[in-house]
Amino acid sequence: MKTSMKRISLAIALSLALGFALPAGLRGWERPVLAQAAGSASTPEAQSPAKDEQEQDENDAYRKSPMVEKLGGMMGMNKDQAATAFEVFNFALLATALGYALAKFLPKAIRNRNTAIQKHLVDARTATEEARIRLSGVEALPAAWARTGRFQPRRPAGRAKQTARVKAMAREMRFREIRFR
């Protein structure tokens, strides 16, 4: 089983390497693209209906390239069958690679995220309980002080003088406001 997977991986890697390593002259699928790139899209000929029809299916340059025709002919297919077969193969290859990557990394990421969320929930519950305990202790203090009589609010000696001074300043401010209006 492992050897067959290694062989398949080696075959895919070799085909990709050869596909990218071929000289530009041997790659038949680039010729139509280079020919299209040489033309100018701003000329009146480019605006003609024939040009629009040619642009309409520009993927045919890749789908029906000489390399696709040659490989399809080797497998006993015509042009359209070879193009469809290669599209399906490319889609299956990409979907498999994407599915494998998602299946490999996504569960671990979800598991880590769930663990972090659970940890934060436990921390929040702990903090809430601690806050409730502190709050109940603080709320119980005034009742305990009233029962024991141990807490008597301190009144500063100069509080009456300070209150009188503030009231006098307020009266003076009102007087000034009335006088300057």
N, C-alpha and C. Protein backbone atom coordinates (compact mmCIF):
# COMPACT_ATOMS: atom_id res chain seq x y z
N MET A 1 0.83 -1.19 0.00
CA MET A 1 0.00 0.00 0.00
C MET A 1 0.86 1.25 0.00
N LYS A 2 1.88 1.28 0.89
CA LYS A 2 2.75 2.45 0.95
C LYS A 2 3.54 2.61 -0.34
N THR A 3 3.98 1.50 -0.90
CA THR A 3 4.77 1.60 -2.13
C THR A 3 3.92 2.11 -3.28
N SER A 4 2.65 1.72 -3.34
CA SER A 4 1.80 2.21 -4.43
C SER A 4 1.55 3.71 -4.27
N MET A 5 1.36 4.17 -3.02
CA MET A 5 1.18 5.61 -2.79
C MET A 5 2.44 6.38 -3.15
N LYS A 6 3.59 5.79 -2.83
CA LYS A 6 4.85 6.44 -3.19
C LYS A 6 5.00 6.52 -4.69
N ARG A 7 4.62 5.47 -5.39
CA ARG A 7 4.72 5.46 -6.85
C ARG A 7 3.79 6.50 -7.47
N ILE A 8 2.58 6.58 -6.95
CA ILE A 8 1.62 7.57 -7.47
C ILE A 8 2.14 8.97 -7.21
N SER A 9 2.64 9.22 -6.01
CA SER A 9 3.17 10.55 -5.68
C SER A 9 4.36 10.88 -6.57
N LEU A 10 5.22 9.90 -6.81
CA LEU A 10 6.37 10.12 -7.67
C LEU A 10 5.94 10.40 -9.10
N ALA A 11 4.92 9.69 -9.58
CA ALA A 11 4.43 9.91 -10.94
C ALA A 11 3.83 11.31 -11.09
N ILE A 12 3.08 11.74 -10.11
CA ILE A 12 2.48 13.08 -10.16
C ILE A 12 3.57 14.14 -10.11
N ALA A 13 4.53 13.98 -9.21
CA ALA A 13 5.61 14.95 -9.10
C ALA A 13 6.43 15.00 -10.38
N LEU A 14 6.69 13.85 -10.98
CA LEU A 14 7.46 13.79 -12.23
C LEU A 14 6.71 14.46 -13.37
N SER A 15 5.40 14.21 -13.45
CA SER A 15 4.62 14.83 -14.53
C SER A 15 4.56 16.35 -14.36
N LEU A 16 4.42 16.82 -13.13
CA LEU A 16 4.41 18.26 -12.89
C LEU A 16 5.77 18.87 -13.21
N ALA A 17 6.83 18.20 -12.81
CA ALA A 17 8.17 18.71 -13.07
C ALA A 17 8.45 18.77 -14.56
N LEU A 18 8.07 17.74 -15.29
CA LEU A 18 8.29 17.74 -16.74
C LEU A 18 7.42 18.78 -17.42
N GLY A 19 6.22 18.98 -16.93
CA GLY A 19 5.32 19.96 -17.53
C GLY A 19 5.86 21.37 -17.40
N PHE A 20 6.49 21.69 -16.27
CA PHE A 20 7.04 23.02 -16.09
C PHE A 20 8.46 23.16 -16.62
N ALA A 21 9.15 22.05 -16.78
CA ALA A 21 10.54 22.11 -17.20
C ALA A 21 10.72 22.06 -18.70
N LEU A 22 9.68 21.75 -19.47
CA LEU A 22 9.81 21.69 -20.92
C LEU A 22 10.16 23.06 -21.48
N PRO A 23 11.01 23.12 -22.50
CA PRO A 23 11.28 24.42 -23.13
C PRO A 23 10.00 24.98 -23.74
N ALA A 24 9.97 26.29 -23.86
CA ALA A 24 8.75 26.95 -24.35
C ALA A 24 8.38 26.50 -25.76
N GLY A 25 9.34 26.18 -26.57
CA GLY A 25 9.05 25.74 -27.94
C GLY A 25 8.36 24.40 -27.99
N LEU A 26 8.58 23.53 -27.02
CA LEU A 26 7.95 22.22 -27.01
C LEU A 26 6.57 22.23 -26.37
N ARG A 27 6.29 23.25 -25.61
CA ARG A 27 4.98 23.34 -24.99
C ARG A 27 4.01 23.95 -25.98
N GLY A 28 3.14 23.14 -26.51
CA GLY A 28 2.21 23.59 -27.54
C GLY A 28 1.12 24.48 -27.03
N TRP A 29 0.82 24.40 -25.74
CA TRP A 29 -0.30 25.18 -25.23
C TRP A 29 0.01 26.66 -25.07
N GLU A 30 1.29 27.04 -25.17
CA GLU A 30 1.63 28.45 -25.03
C GLU A 30 1.57 29.21 -26.34
N ARG A 31 1.66 28.51 -27.44
CA ARG A 31 1.66 29.20 -28.74
C ARG A 31 0.40 30.02 -28.98
N PRO A 32 -0.81 29.49 -28.79
CA PRO A 32 -1.99 30.33 -29.03
C PRO A 32 -2.07 31.52 -28.08
N VAL A 33 -1.62 31.35 -26.86
CA VAL A 33 -1.67 32.46 -25.90
C VAL A 33 -0.72 33.56 -26.32
N LEU A 34 0.48 33.20 -26.76
CA LEU A 34 1.43 34.20 -27.20
C LEU A 34 0.92 34.92 -28.44
N ALA A 35 0.26 34.20 -29.32
CA ALA A 35 -0.29 34.83 -30.52
C ALA A 35 -1.40 35.80 -30.15
N GLN A 36 -2.20 35.47 -29.18
CA GLN A 36 -3.26 36.37 -28.75
C GLN A 36 -2.68 37.61 -28.07
N ALA A 37 -1.62 37.42 -27.30
CA ALA A 37 -1.02 38.53 -26.58
C ALA A 37 -0.35 39.51 -27.54
N ALA A 38 0.09 39.04 -28.70
CA ALA A 38 0.76 39.92 -29.66
C ALA A 38 -0.22 40.89 -30.30
N GLY A 39 -1.50 40.52 -30.41
CA GLY A 39 -2.50 41.39 -31.03
C GLY A 39 -2.85 42.54 -30.11
N SER A 40 -3.34 43.62 -30.68
CA SER A 40 -3.72 44.78 -29.88
C SER A 40 -5.23 44.78 -29.69
N ALA A 41 -5.69 44.97 -28.48
CA ALA A 41 -7.12 44.95 -28.20
C ALA A 41 -7.77 46.30 -28.45
N SER A 42 -6.98 47.34 -28.74
CA SER A 42 -7.56 48.66 -28.92
C SER A 42 -7.83 48.99 -30.39
N THR A 43 -7.48 48.13 -31.31
CA THR A 43 -7.70 48.39 -32.73
C THR A 43 -9.15 48.10 -33.09
N PRO A 44 -9.64 48.67 -34.18
CA PRO A 44 -11.03 48.41 -34.59
C PRO A 44 -11.26 46.93 -34.93
N GLU A 45 -10.22 46.24 -35.41
CA GLU A 45 -10.39 44.83 -35.73
C GLU A 45 -10.68 44.03 -34.46
N ALA A 46 -10.15 44.52 -33.34
CA ALA A 46 -10.37 43.83 -32.08
C ALA A 46 -11.81 43.94 -31.62
N GLN A 47 -12.53 44.95 -32.11
CA GLN A 47 -13.91 45.16 -31.73
C GLN A 47 -14.89 44.39 -32.62
N SER A 48 -14.39 43.69 -33.62
CA SER A 48 -15.27 43.00 -34.57
C SER A 48 -15.93 41.79 -33.92
N PRO A 49 -17.06 41.33 -34.49
CA PRO A 49 -17.76 40.16 -33.92
C PRO A 49 -16.90 38.89 -33.99
N ALA A 50 -16.04 38.78 -34.99
CA ALA A 50 -15.18 37.59 -35.08
C ALA A 50 -14.21 37.57 -33.90
N LYS A 51 -13.71 38.72 -33.53
CA LYS A 51 -12.78 38.80 -32.40
C LYS A 51 -13.52 38.49 -31.10
N ASP A 52 -14.79 38.99 -30.98
CA ASP A 52 -15.58 38.69 -29.79
C ASP A 52 -15.82 37.19 -29.65
N GLU A 53 -16.08 36.55 -30.76
CA GLU A 53 -16.31 35.10 -30.73
C GLU A 53 -15.03 34.37 -30.33
N GLN A 54 -13.91 34.90 -30.78
CA GLN A 54 -12.63 34.28 -30.43
C GLN A 54 -12.33 34.46 -28.95
N GLU A 55 -12.66 35.64 -28.41
CA GLU A 55 -12.44 35.90 -27.00
C GLU A 55 -13.44 35.14 -26.12
N GLN A 56 -14.59 34.82 -26.70
CA GLN A 56 -15.64 34.19 -25.94
C GLN A 56 -15.19 32.84 -25.36
N ASP A 57 -14.42 32.11 -26.12
CA ASP A 57 -13.96 30.82 -25.62
C ASP A 57 -12.44 30.77 -25.67
N GLU A 58 -11.80 31.61 -24.88
CA GLU A 58 -10.35 31.67 -24.87
C GLU A 58 -9.73 30.48 -24.14
N ASN A 59 -10.53 29.76 -23.39
CA ASN A 59 -10.02 28.57 -22.71
C ASN A 59 -9.74 27.43 -23.68
N ASP A 60 -10.29 27.52 -24.89
CA ASP A 60 -10.01 26.47 -25.88
C ASP A 60 -8.53 26.42 -26.22
N ALA A 61 -7.81 27.52 -26.04
CA ALA A 61 -6.37 27.51 -26.29
C ALA A 61 -5.68 26.51 -25.39
N TYR A 62 -6.20 26.33 -24.20
CA TYR A 62 -5.63 25.36 -23.27
C TYR A 62 -6.29 23.99 -23.40
N ARG A 63 -7.60 24.00 -23.56
CA ARG A 63 -8.34 22.74 -23.62
C ARG A 63 -7.99 21.91 -24.85
N LYS A 64 -7.75 22.57 -25.96
CA LYS A 64 -7.51 21.83 -27.21
C LYS A 64 -6.12 22.11 -27.76
N SER A 65 -5.17 22.23 -26.86
CA SER A 65 -3.79 22.47 -27.28
C SER A 65 -3.21 21.20 -27.92
N PRO A 66 -2.12 21.35 -28.66
CA PRO A 66 -1.51 20.17 -29.29
C PRO A 66 -1.09 19.10 -28.28
N MET A 67 -0.67 19.51 -27.10
CA MET A 67 -0.25 18.53 -26.10
C MET A 67 -1.44 17.71 -25.61
N VAL A 68 -2.58 18.38 -25.39
CA VAL A 68 -3.78 17.67 -24.96
C VAL A 68 -4.25 16.72 -26.06
N GLU A 69 -4.20 17.18 -27.31
CA GLU A 69 -4.59 16.33 -28.43
C GLU A 69 -3.68 15.11 -28.53
N LYS A 70 -2.39 15.33 -28.36
CA LYS A 70 -1.43 14.24 -28.48
C LYS A 70 -1.63 13.21 -27.37
N LEU A 71 -1.76 13.69 -26.12
CA LEU A 71 -1.97 12.76 -25.01
C LEU A 71 -3.31 12.05 -25.12
N GLY A 72 -4.34 12.76 -25.57
CA GLY A 72 -5.65 12.14 -25.79
C GLY A 72 -5.60 11.10 -26.89
N GLY A 73 -4.84 11.40 -27.96
CA GLY A 73 -4.67 10.43 -29.05
C GLY A 73 -3.96 9.18 -28.58
N MET A 74 -3.00 9.33 -27.66
CA MET A 74 -2.29 8.17 -27.11
C MET A 74 -3.23 7.27 -26.31
N MET A 75 -4.26 7.88 -25.73
CA MET A 75 -5.22 7.11 -24.93
C MET A 75 -6.46 6.75 -25.73
N GLY A 76 -6.49 7.07 -27.01
CA GLY A 76 -7.61 6.70 -27.88
C GLY A 76 -8.81 7.60 -27.75
N MET A 77 -8.60 8.89 -27.52
CA MET A 77 -9.71 9.84 -27.37
C MET A 77 -9.63 10.90 -28.46
N ASN A 78 -10.79 11.49 -28.79
CA ASN A 78 -10.76 12.62 -29.72
C ASN A 78 -10.48 13.90 -28.92
N LYS A 79 -10.48 15.06 -29.61
CA LYS A 79 -10.10 16.33 -28.97
C LYS A 79 -11.01 16.68 -27.80
N ASP A 80 -12.32 16.61 -28.03
CA ASP A 80 -13.26 17.00 -26.97
C ASP A 80 -13.21 16.05 -25.78
N GLN A 81 -13.09 14.76 -26.05
CA GLN A 81 -13.00 13.79 -24.96
C GLN A 81 -11.73 14.00 -24.15
N ALA A 82 -10.62 14.27 -24.83
CA ALA A 82 -9.35 14.50 -24.12
C ALA A 82 -9.44 15.76 -23.27
N ALA A 83 -10.03 16.83 -23.83
CA ALA A 83 -10.16 18.08 -23.08
C ALA A 83 -11.01 17.87 -21.83
N THR A 84 -12.13 17.18 -21.98
CA THR A 84 -13.00 16.92 -20.84
C THR A 84 -12.31 16.02 -19.81
N ALA A 85 -11.60 15.00 -20.30
CA ALA A 85 -10.91 14.08 -19.39
C ALA A 85 -9.85 14.82 -18.58
N PHE A 86 -9.10 15.71 -19.23
CA PHE A 86 -8.06 16.45 -18.51
C PHE A 86 -8.68 17.45 -17.52
N GLU A 87 -9.80 18.06 -17.89
CA GLU A 87 -10.47 18.97 -16.96
C GLU A 87 -10.95 18.21 -15.72
N VAL A 88 -11.55 17.05 -15.95
CA VAL A 88 -12.04 16.25 -14.82
C VAL A 88 -10.87 15.79 -13.96
N PHE A 89 -9.78 15.35 -14.61
CA PHE A 89 -8.60 14.90 -13.86
C PHE A 89 -8.00 16.04 -13.05
N ASN A 90 -7.89 17.23 -13.65
CA ASN A 90 -7.34 18.38 -12.93
C ASN A 90 -8.23 18.76 -11.74
N PHE A 91 -9.55 18.73 -11.96
CA PHE A 91 -10.46 19.05 -10.87
C PHE A 91 -10.34 18.03 -9.75
N ALA A 92 -10.31 16.75 -10.11
CA ALA A 92 -10.21 15.69 -9.11
C ALA A 92 -8.89 15.82 -8.33
N LEU A 93 -7.81 16.15 -9.02
CA LEU A 93 -6.52 16.30 -8.37
C LEU A 93 -6.55 17.47 -7.38
N LEU A 94 -7.08 18.60 -7.81
CA LEU A 94 -7.14 19.77 -6.92
C LEU A 94 -8.10 19.53 -5.76
N ALA A 95 -9.25 18.92 -6.04
CA ALA A 95 -10.22 18.66 -4.98
C ALA A 95 -9.64 17.67 -3.95
N THR A 96 -8.92 16.68 -4.44
CA THR A 96 -8.30 15.72 -3.53
C THR A 96 -7.24 16.39 -2.66
N ALA A 97 -6.41 17.21 -3.27
CA ALA A 97 -5.37 17.91 -2.51
C ALA A 97 -5.98 18.85 -1.47
N LEU A 98 -7.01 19.59 -1.87
CA LEU A 98 -7.67 20.50 -0.94
C LEU A 98 -8.38 19.73 0.17
N GLY A 99 -9.06 18.65 -0.19
CA GLY A 99 -9.75 17.83 0.81
C GLY A 99 -8.78 17.22 1.80
N TYR A 100 -7.65 16.75 1.31
CA TYR A 100 -6.63 16.17 2.18
C TYR A 100 -6.09 17.21 3.15
N ALA A 101 -5.78 18.40 2.62
CA ALA A 101 -5.25 19.46 3.48
C ALA A 101 -6.27 19.86 4.55
N LEU A 102 -7.54 19.98 4.14
CA LEU A 102 -8.58 20.33 5.11
C LEU A 102 -8.77 19.23 6.15
N ALA A 103 -8.76 17.98 5.70
CA ALA A 103 -8.96 16.86 6.62
C ALA A 103 -7.79 16.73 7.58
N LYS A 104 -6.62 17.14 7.15
CA LYS A 104 -5.44 17.00 8.01
C LYS A 104 -5.36 18.12 9.04
N PHE A 105 -5.61 19.35 8.64
CA PHE A 105 -5.35 20.49 9.53
C PHE A 105 -6.60 21.04 10.22
N LEU A 106 -7.75 20.94 9.61
CA LEU A 106 -8.96 21.55 10.18
C LEU A 106 -9.39 20.91 11.50
N PRO A 107 -9.42 19.58 11.65
CA PRO A 107 -9.84 19.03 12.95
C PRO A 107 -8.94 19.46 14.10
N LYS A 108 -7.64 19.54 13.86
CA LYS A 108 -6.72 19.95 14.92
C LYS A 108 -6.99 21.41 15.31
N ALA A 109 -7.22 22.26 14.33
CA ALA A 109 -7.50 23.67 14.61
C ALA A 109 -8.82 23.81 15.38
N ILE A 110 -9.82 23.05 14.99
CA ILE A 110 -11.12 23.12 15.68
C ILE A 110 -10.97 22.60 17.11
N ARG A 111 -10.24 21.51 17.29
CA ARG A 111 -10.03 20.95 18.61
C ARG A 111 -9.31 21.95 19.51
N ASN A 112 -8.27 22.60 18.99
CA ASN A 112 -7.53 23.60 19.78
C ASN A 112 -8.43 24.77 20.16
N ARG A 113 -9.26 25.20 19.23
CA ARG A 113 -10.16 26.32 19.50
C ARG A 113 -11.18 25.94 20.57
N ASN A 114 -11.74 24.74 20.48
CA ASN A 114 -12.70 24.28 21.49
C ASN A 114 -12.05 24.20 22.87
N THR A 115 -10.82 23.72 22.92
CA THR A 115 -10.10 23.64 24.18
C THR A 115 -9.89 25.03 24.77
N ALA A 116 -9.51 25.97 23.94
CA ALA A 116 -9.30 27.34 24.42
C ALA A 116 -10.61 27.95 24.92
N ILE A 117 -11.70 27.70 24.22
CA ILE A 117 -13.00 28.23 24.64
C ILE A 117 -13.40 27.62 25.99
N GLN A 118 -13.23 26.31 26.14
CA GLN A 118 -13.56 25.66 27.40
C GLN A 118 -12.74 26.23 28.55
N LYS A 119 -11.45 26.48 28.29
CA LYS A 119 -10.58 27.04 29.32
C LYS A 119 -11.06 28.43 29.72
N HIS A 120 -11.42 29.24 28.74
CA HIS A 120 -11.91 30.59 29.04
C HIS A 120 -13.23 30.53 29.82
N LEU A 121 -14.10 29.58 29.49
CA LEU A 121 -15.35 29.45 30.23
C LEU A 121 -15.10 29.07 31.69
N VAL A 122 -14.17 28.15 31.92
CA VAL A 122 -13.84 27.76 33.30
C VAL A 122 -13.26 28.95 34.05
N ASP A 123 -12.36 29.70 33.41
CA ASP A 123 -11.79 30.89 34.04
C ASP A 123 -12.87 31.91 34.38
N ALA A 124 -13.83 32.10 33.48
CA ALA A 124 -14.90 33.06 33.71
C ALA A 124 -15.79 32.61 34.86
N ARG A 125 -16.10 31.31 34.92
CA ARG A 125 -16.92 30.81 36.03
C ARG A 125 -16.20 31.00 37.37
N THR A 126 -14.91 30.72 37.39
CA THR A 126 -14.13 30.89 38.61
C THR A 126 -14.12 32.35 39.05
N ALA A 127 -13.89 33.26 38.10
CA ALA A 127 -13.88 34.69 38.42
C ALA A 127 -15.24 35.15 38.91
N THR A 128 -16.32 34.64 38.31
CA THR A 128 -17.67 35.01 38.73
C THR A 128 -17.93 34.54 40.16
N GLU A 129 -17.54 33.32 40.47
CA GLU A 129 -17.75 32.82 41.84
C GLU A 129 -16.94 33.62 42.85
N GLU A 130 -15.71 33.95 42.53
CA GLU A 130 -14.89 34.76 43.44
C GLU A 130 -15.52 36.14 43.65
N ALA A 131 -16.04 36.72 42.58
CA ALA A 131 -16.68 38.04 42.70
C ALA A 131 -17.94 37.96 43.55
N ARG A 132 -18.72 36.89 43.39
CA ARG A 132 -19.93 36.73 44.22
C ARG A 132 -19.58 36.59 45.69
N ILE A 133 -18.52 35.83 45.97
CA ILE A 133 -18.09 35.65 47.37
C ILE A 133 -17.67 36.99 47.96
N ARG A 134 -16.88 37.76 47.20
CA ARG A 134 -16.45 39.08 47.70
C ARG A 134 -17.62 40.01 47.88
N LEU A 135 -18.57 39.99 46.94
CA LEU A 135 -19.74 40.85 47.02
C LEU A 135 -20.59 40.51 48.23
N SER A 136 -20.80 39.23 48.48
CA SER A 136 -21.61 38.85 49.64
C SER A 136 -20.91 39.26 50.94
N GLY A 137 -19.59 39.20 50.95
CA GLY A 137 -18.85 39.64 52.14
C GLY A 137 -18.97 41.14 52.35
N VAL A 138 -18.91 41.90 51.27
CA VAL A 138 -19.02 43.36 51.37
C VAL A 138 -20.44 43.76 51.75
N GLU A 139 -21.44 43.07 51.20
CA GLU A 139 -22.83 43.41 51.54
C GLU A 139 -23.15 43.06 52.99
N ALA A 140 -22.47 42.07 53.53
CA ALA A 140 -22.74 41.66 54.92
C ALA A 140 -22.10 42.59 55.94
N LEU A 141 -21.11 43.37 55.57
CA LEU A 141 -20.40 44.23 56.52
C LEU A 141 -21.31 45.25 57.21
N PRO A 142 -22.10 46.04 56.48
CA PRO A 142 -22.91 47.04 57.19
C PRO A 142 -23.87 46.43 58.21
N ALA A 143 -24.44 45.27 57.88
CA ALA A 143 -25.36 44.63 58.82
C ALA A 143 -24.60 44.18 60.07
N ALA A 144 -23.41 43.66 59.88
CA ALA A 144 -22.59 43.22 61.02
C ALA A 144 -22.18 44.42 61.86
N TRP A 145 -21.85 45.51 61.25
CA TRP A 145 -21.45 46.71 61.98
C TRP A 145 -22.63 47.25 62.78
N ALA A 146 -23.81 47.20 62.18
CA ALA A 146 -24.98 47.72 62.89
C ALA A 146 -25.30 46.84 64.09
N ARG A 147 -25.13 45.52 63.95
CA ARG A 147 -25.41 44.61 65.07
C ARG A 147 -24.42 44.81 66.21
N THR A 148 -23.17 44.96 65.87
CA THR A 148 -22.15 45.05 66.91
C THR A 148 -21.94 46.46 67.41
N GLY A 149 -22.28 47.44 66.60
CA GLY A 149 -22.08 48.82 66.98
C GLY A 149 -20.62 49.22 66.94
N ARG A 150 -19.82 48.43 66.30
CA ARG A 150 -18.39 48.73 66.25
C ARG A 150 -18.07 49.83 65.25
N PHE A 151 -18.87 49.98 64.22
CA PHE A 151 -18.55 50.97 63.20
C PHE A 151 -19.39 52.21 63.43
N GLN A 152 -18.76 53.27 63.71
CA GLN A 152 -19.42 54.56 63.81
C GLN A 152 -18.71 55.49 62.84
N PRO A 153 -19.44 56.09 61.94
CA PRO A 153 -18.78 56.97 61.00
C PRO A 153 -18.15 58.15 61.74
N ARG A 154 -16.96 58.46 61.38
CA ARG A 154 -16.25 59.56 62.02
C ARG A 154 -16.68 60.88 61.41
N ARG A 155 -16.93 61.82 62.29
CA ARG A 155 -17.27 63.14 61.80
C ARG A 155 -16.11 64.04 62.15
N PRO A 156 -15.55 64.68 61.15
CA PRO A 156 -14.43 65.57 61.45
C PRO A 156 -14.89 66.77 62.28
N ALA A 157 -13.98 67.23 63.08
CA ALA A 157 -14.31 68.34 63.99
C ALA A 157 -14.63 69.62 63.22
N GLY A 158 -13.97 69.87 62.14
CA GLY A 158 -14.18 71.12 61.42
C GLY A 158 -15.21 71.01 60.32
N ARG A 159 -16.05 69.99 60.38
CA ARG A 159 -17.01 69.79 59.30
C ARG A 159 -18.07 70.88 59.28
N ALA A 160 -18.53 71.29 60.40
CA ALA A 160 -19.56 72.34 60.47
C ALA A 160 -19.00 73.66 59.93
N LYS A 161 -17.74 73.97 60.31
CA LYS A 161 -17.12 75.20 59.82
C LYS A 161 -16.97 75.16 58.30
N GLN A 162 -16.57 73.99 57.79
CA GLN A 162 -16.36 73.85 56.34
C GLN A 162 -17.70 73.99 55.61
N THR A 163 -18.76 73.41 56.14
CA THR A 163 -20.08 73.51 55.52
C THR A 163 -20.53 74.96 55.49
N ALA A 164 -20.33 75.69 56.55
CA ALA A 164 -20.73 77.09 56.62
C ALA A 164 -19.93 77.91 55.61
N ARG A 165 -18.64 77.63 55.49
CA ARG A 165 -17.80 78.36 54.54
C ARG A 165 -18.27 78.12 53.10
N VAL A 166 -18.61 76.86 52.74
CA VAL A 166 -19.08 76.54 51.38
C VAL A 166 -20.40 77.24 51.10
N LYS A 167 -21.29 77.25 52.07
CA LYS A 167 -22.58 77.93 51.88
C LYS A 167 -22.38 79.42 51.67
N ALA A 168 -21.47 80.01 52.41
CA ALA A 168 -21.19 81.44 52.27
C ALA A 168 -20.63 81.74 50.88
N MET A 169 -19.75 80.89 50.40
CA MET A 169 -19.19 81.09 49.06
C MET A 169 -20.28 80.97 48.00
N ALA A 170 -21.20 80.06 48.19
CA ALA A 170 -22.29 79.89 47.23
C ALA A 170 -23.18 81.12 47.20
N ARG A 171 -23.48 81.69 48.40
CA ARG A 171 -24.29 82.90 48.44
C ARG A 171 -23.59 84.06 47.75
N GLU A 172 -22.29 84.17 47.98
CA GLU A 172 -21.52 85.24 47.36
C GLU A 172 -21.51 85.10 45.83
N MET A 173 -21.40 83.87 45.36
CA MET A 173 -21.39 83.64 43.91
C MET A 173 -22.74 84.02 43.31
N ARG A 174 -23.82 83.68 44.00
CA ARG A 174 -25.14 84.05 43.49
C ARG A 174 -25.30 85.56 43.46
N PHE A 175 -24.81 86.22 44.48
CA PHE A 175 -24.88 87.67 44.56
C PHE A 175 -24.13 88.30 43.39
N ARG A 176 -22.94 87.78 43.09
CA ARG A 176 -22.15 88.31 41.97
C ARG A 176 -22.88 88.10 40.65
N GLU A 177 -23.52 86.92 40.48
CA GLU A 177 -24.23 86.64 39.26
C GLU A 177 -25.38 87.63 39.07
N ILE A 178 -26.10 87.90 40.13
CA ILE A 178 -27.24 88.82 40.06
C ILE A 178 -26.77 90.23 39.77
N ARG A 179 -25.67 90.65 40.37
CA ARG A 179 -25.17 91.99 40.21
C ARG A 179 -24.66 92.26 38.80
N PHE A 180 -24.07 91.26 38.15
CA PHE A 180 -23.48 91.49 36.83
C PHE A 180 -24.44 91.19 35.68
N ARG A 181 -25.62 90.86 35.93
CA ARG A 181 -26.56 90.59 34.83
C ARG A 181 -27.18 91.81 34.28
